[in-house]
Amino acid sequence: MDIDPTFGVFFKYSEQLRQRVVDEYLAEGVGTATLAARHGIARTVIRDWIGRYRQHGSAGLRKKFSHYDASFSKG
């Protein structure tokens, strides 16, 4: 069974940290391996943040919460 290494870790890190890591990637031109070692974050997670940022800007790094009432889940 394959497990997505980024599953569940998006919310583990603050929005400020996600933005700082992406900013470092863009401004300093360092690789994801360097950033992973510097911050103790998996490279796959950092690549995911960079992709979200490129696609959606800062909004792609924000936490999103969805709450559905019982009637919605019963379809």
N, C-alpha and C. Protein backbone atom coordinates (compact mmCIF):
# COMPACT_ATOMS: atom_id res chain seq x y z
N MET A 1 0.85 -1.18 0.00
CA MET A 1 0.00 0.00 0.00
C MET A 1 0.89 1.24 0.00
N ASP A 2 0.64 2.14 -0.94
CA ASP A 2 1.40 3.39 -1.00
C ASP A 2 0.77 4.41 -0.07
N ILE A 3 1.61 5.12 0.66
CA ILE A 3 1.14 6.15 1.57
C ILE A 3 1.69 7.48 1.10
N ASP A 4 0.83 8.45 0.96
CA ASP A 4 1.26 9.80 0.56
C ASP A 4 2.03 10.42 1.72
N PRO A 5 3.33 10.73 1.52
CA PRO A 5 4.12 11.27 2.63
C PRO A 5 3.68 12.67 3.07
N THR A 6 2.89 13.35 2.25
CA THR A 6 2.44 14.68 2.61
C THR A 6 1.07 14.67 3.26
N PHE A 7 0.41 13.51 3.32
CA PHE A 7 -0.93 13.43 3.89
C PHE A 7 -0.91 13.83 5.36
N GLY A 8 -1.69 14.82 5.70
CA GLY A 8 -1.83 15.23 7.09
C GLY A 8 -0.77 16.20 7.59
N VAL A 9 0.30 16.41 6.84
CA VAL A 9 1.35 17.29 7.33
C VAL A 9 1.15 18.73 6.91
N PHE A 10 0.21 18.98 6.02
CA PHE A 10 -0.02 20.36 5.58
C PHE A 10 -0.37 21.25 6.77
N PHE A 11 -1.15 20.73 7.70
CA PHE A 11 -1.59 21.52 8.83
C PHE A 11 -0.64 21.45 10.01
N LYS A 12 0.39 20.65 9.91
CA LYS A 12 1.35 20.51 11.00
C LYS A 12 2.22 21.74 11.15
N TYR A 13 2.42 22.47 10.07
CA TYR A 13 3.30 23.63 10.04
C TYR A 13 2.48 24.91 9.90
N SER A 14 2.94 25.96 10.55
CA SER A 14 2.21 27.22 10.51
C SER A 14 2.27 27.83 9.10
N GLU A 15 1.29 28.66 8.82
CA GLU A 15 1.26 29.36 7.54
C GLU A 15 2.50 30.22 7.38
N GLN A 16 2.96 30.82 8.47
CA GLN A 16 4.15 31.68 8.41
C GLN A 16 5.39 30.87 8.03
N LEU A 17 5.53 29.67 8.58
CA LEU A 17 6.68 28.84 8.23
C LEU A 17 6.60 28.41 6.77
N ARG A 18 5.42 27.99 6.33
CA ARG A 18 5.27 27.59 4.92
C ARG A 18 5.66 28.73 4.00
N GLN A 19 5.20 29.95 4.33
CA GLN A 19 5.52 31.11 3.49
C GLN A 19 7.02 31.41 3.52
N ARG A 20 7.63 31.32 4.70
CA ARG A 20 9.06 31.60 4.83
C ARG A 20 9.89 30.62 4.01
N VAL A 21 9.54 29.34 4.06
CA VAL A 21 10.29 28.33 3.30
C VAL A 21 10.14 28.58 1.80
N VAL A 22 8.93 28.87 1.35
CA VAL A 22 8.73 29.15 -0.08
C VAL A 22 9.49 30.42 -0.48
N ASP A 23 9.45 31.45 0.36
CA ASP A 23 10.19 32.68 0.07
C ASP A 23 11.69 32.42 -0.04
N GLU A 24 12.21 31.59 0.86
CA GLU A 24 13.64 31.25 0.81
C GLU A 24 13.96 30.52 -0.49
N TYR A 25 13.09 29.63 -0.90
CA TYR A 25 13.29 28.89 -2.14
C TYR A 25 13.35 29.85 -3.32
N LEU A 26 12.40 30.78 -3.37
CA LEU A 26 12.32 31.69 -4.50
C LEU A 26 13.42 32.75 -4.48
N ALA A 27 13.73 33.30 -3.32
CA ALA A 27 14.68 34.40 -3.22
C ALA A 27 16.14 33.95 -3.25
N GLU A 28 16.43 32.86 -2.54
CA GLU A 28 17.81 32.42 -2.40
C GLU A 28 18.23 31.45 -3.49
N GLY A 29 17.28 30.87 -4.17
CA GLY A 29 17.61 29.91 -5.21
C GLY A 29 18.20 28.62 -4.68
N VAL A 30 17.96 28.32 -3.41
CA VAL A 30 18.46 27.06 -2.83
C VAL A 30 17.51 25.94 -3.19
N GLY A 31 18.01 24.73 -3.19
CA GLY A 31 17.20 23.57 -3.52
C GLY A 31 16.34 23.10 -2.38
N THR A 32 15.42 22.22 -2.70
CA THR A 32 14.53 21.69 -1.67
C THR A 32 15.29 20.82 -0.67
N ALA A 33 16.37 20.18 -1.09
CA ALA A 33 17.15 19.36 -0.15
C ALA A 33 17.79 20.25 0.91
N THR A 34 18.31 21.40 0.51
CA THR A 34 18.92 22.33 1.45
C THR A 34 17.87 22.86 2.42
N LEU A 35 16.72 23.24 1.90
CA LEU A 35 15.65 23.74 2.76
C LEU A 35 15.14 22.66 3.71
N ALA A 36 15.05 21.43 3.22
CA ALA A 36 14.59 20.32 4.06
C ALA A 36 15.54 20.13 5.24
N ALA A 37 16.83 20.17 4.96
CA ALA A 37 17.82 20.00 6.03
C ALA A 37 17.80 21.19 6.99
N ARG A 38 17.65 22.37 6.44
CA ARG A 38 17.66 23.60 7.25
C ARG A 38 16.49 23.64 8.22
N HIS A 39 15.32 23.20 7.76
CA HIS A 39 14.09 23.35 8.55
C HIS A 39 13.58 22.04 9.14
N GLY A 40 14.18 20.92 8.78
CA GLY A 40 13.73 19.63 9.30
C GLY A 40 12.38 19.22 8.75
N ILE A 41 12.15 19.52 7.48
CA ILE A 41 10.88 19.23 6.81
C ILE A 41 11.18 18.36 5.60
N ALA A 42 10.34 17.38 5.32
CA ALA A 42 10.54 16.50 4.18
C ALA A 42 10.53 17.29 2.86
N ARG A 43 11.41 16.88 1.95
CA ARG A 43 11.47 17.54 0.63
C ARG A 43 10.13 17.49 -0.09
N THR A 44 9.42 16.36 0.04
CA THR A 44 8.13 16.23 -0.64
C THR A 44 7.13 17.26 -0.15
N VAL A 45 7.20 17.57 1.13
CA VAL A 45 6.30 18.57 1.71
C VAL A 45 6.64 19.95 1.15
N ILE A 46 7.92 20.27 1.09
CA ILE A 46 8.35 21.57 0.56
C ILE A 46 7.98 21.70 -0.91
N ARG A 47 8.16 20.64 -1.68
CA ARG A 47 7.78 20.69 -3.10
C ARG A 47 6.28 20.92 -3.25
N ASP A 48 5.50 20.31 -2.35
CA ASP A 48 4.05 20.51 -2.38
C ASP A 48 3.70 21.98 -2.11
N TRP A 49 4.35 22.58 -1.11
CA TRP A 49 4.10 23.99 -0.80
C TRP A 49 4.46 24.88 -1.97
N ILE A 50 5.59 24.62 -2.61
CA ILE A 50 6.03 25.42 -3.76
C ILE A 50 5.01 25.31 -4.89
N GLY A 51 4.53 24.11 -5.14
CA GLY A 51 3.52 23.91 -6.18
C GLY A 51 2.23 24.63 -5.87
N ARG A 52 1.80 24.55 -4.62
CA ARG A 52 0.57 25.25 -4.22
C ARG A 52 0.74 26.77 -4.35
N TYR A 53 1.93 27.25 -3.98
CA TYR A 53 2.20 28.69 -4.07
C TYR A 53 2.20 29.13 -5.53
N ARG A 54 2.84 28.37 -6.39
CA ARG A 54 2.89 28.73 -7.82
C ARG A 54 1.51 28.73 -8.45
N GLN A 55 0.66 27.82 -8.00
CA GLN A 55 -0.67 27.72 -8.57
C GLN A 55 -1.66 28.73 -7.99
N HIS A 56 -1.56 29.00 -6.69
CA HIS A 56 -2.58 29.82 -6.02
C HIS A 56 -2.03 31.03 -5.28
N GLY A 57 -0.72 31.25 -5.31
CA GLY A 57 -0.14 32.35 -4.54
C GLY A 57 -0.20 32.05 -3.06
N SER A 58 -0.16 33.08 -2.24
CA SER A 58 -0.17 32.90 -0.78
C SER A 58 -1.40 32.15 -0.30
N ALA A 59 -2.50 32.28 -1.01
CA ALA A 59 -3.73 31.58 -0.62
C ALA A 59 -3.54 30.07 -0.63
N GLY A 60 -2.64 29.56 -1.46
CA GLY A 60 -2.38 28.13 -1.52
C GLY A 60 -1.68 27.59 -0.29
N LEU A 61 -1.14 28.48 0.53
CA LEU A 61 -0.42 28.06 1.75
C LEU A 61 -1.28 28.19 2.99
N ARG A 62 -2.50 28.70 2.84
CA ARG A 62 -3.38 28.89 3.99
C ARG A 62 -4.10 27.60 4.36
N LYS A 63 -4.43 27.50 5.62
CA LYS A 63 -5.22 26.37 6.10
C LYS A 63 -6.66 26.57 5.65
N LYS A 64 -7.27 25.48 5.26
CA LYS A 64 -8.67 25.52 4.84
C LYS A 64 -9.44 24.54 5.70
N PHE A 65 -10.50 25.02 6.29
CA PHE A 65 -11.33 24.16 7.12
C PHE A 65 -12.72 24.08 6.51
N SER A 66 -13.26 22.88 6.47
CA SER A 66 -14.61 22.69 5.96
C SER A 66 -15.42 21.94 7.02
N HIS A 67 -16.54 22.47 7.34
CA HIS A 67 -17.43 21.82 8.29
C HIS A 67 -18.78 21.64 7.61
N TYR A 68 -19.24 20.42 7.57
CA TYR A 68 -20.52 20.12 6.95
C TYR A 68 -21.50 19.66 8.02
N ASP A 69 -22.75 20.04 7.84
CA ASP A 69 -23.74 19.57 8.81
C ASP A 69 -24.17 18.15 8.45
N ALA A 70 -24.90 17.52 9.32
CA ALA A 70 -25.29 16.11 9.16
C ALA A 70 -26.14 15.90 7.90
N SER A 71 -26.98 16.86 7.53
CA SER A 71 -27.82 16.69 6.37
C SER A 71 -27.01 16.62 5.08
N PHE A 72 -25.90 17.31 5.03
CA PHE A 72 -25.05 17.28 3.84
C PHE A 72 -24.42 15.91 3.68
N SER A 73 -23.94 15.33 4.76
CA SER A 73 -23.24 14.06 4.67
C SER A 73 -24.16 12.89 4.34
N LYS A 74 -25.46 13.05 4.58
CA LYS A 74 -26.42 11.99 4.27
C LYS A 74 -26.81 12.02 2.80
N GLY A 75 -26.46 13.11 2.12
CA GLY A 75 -26.65 13.22 0.69
C GLY A 75 -28.05 13.25 0.28
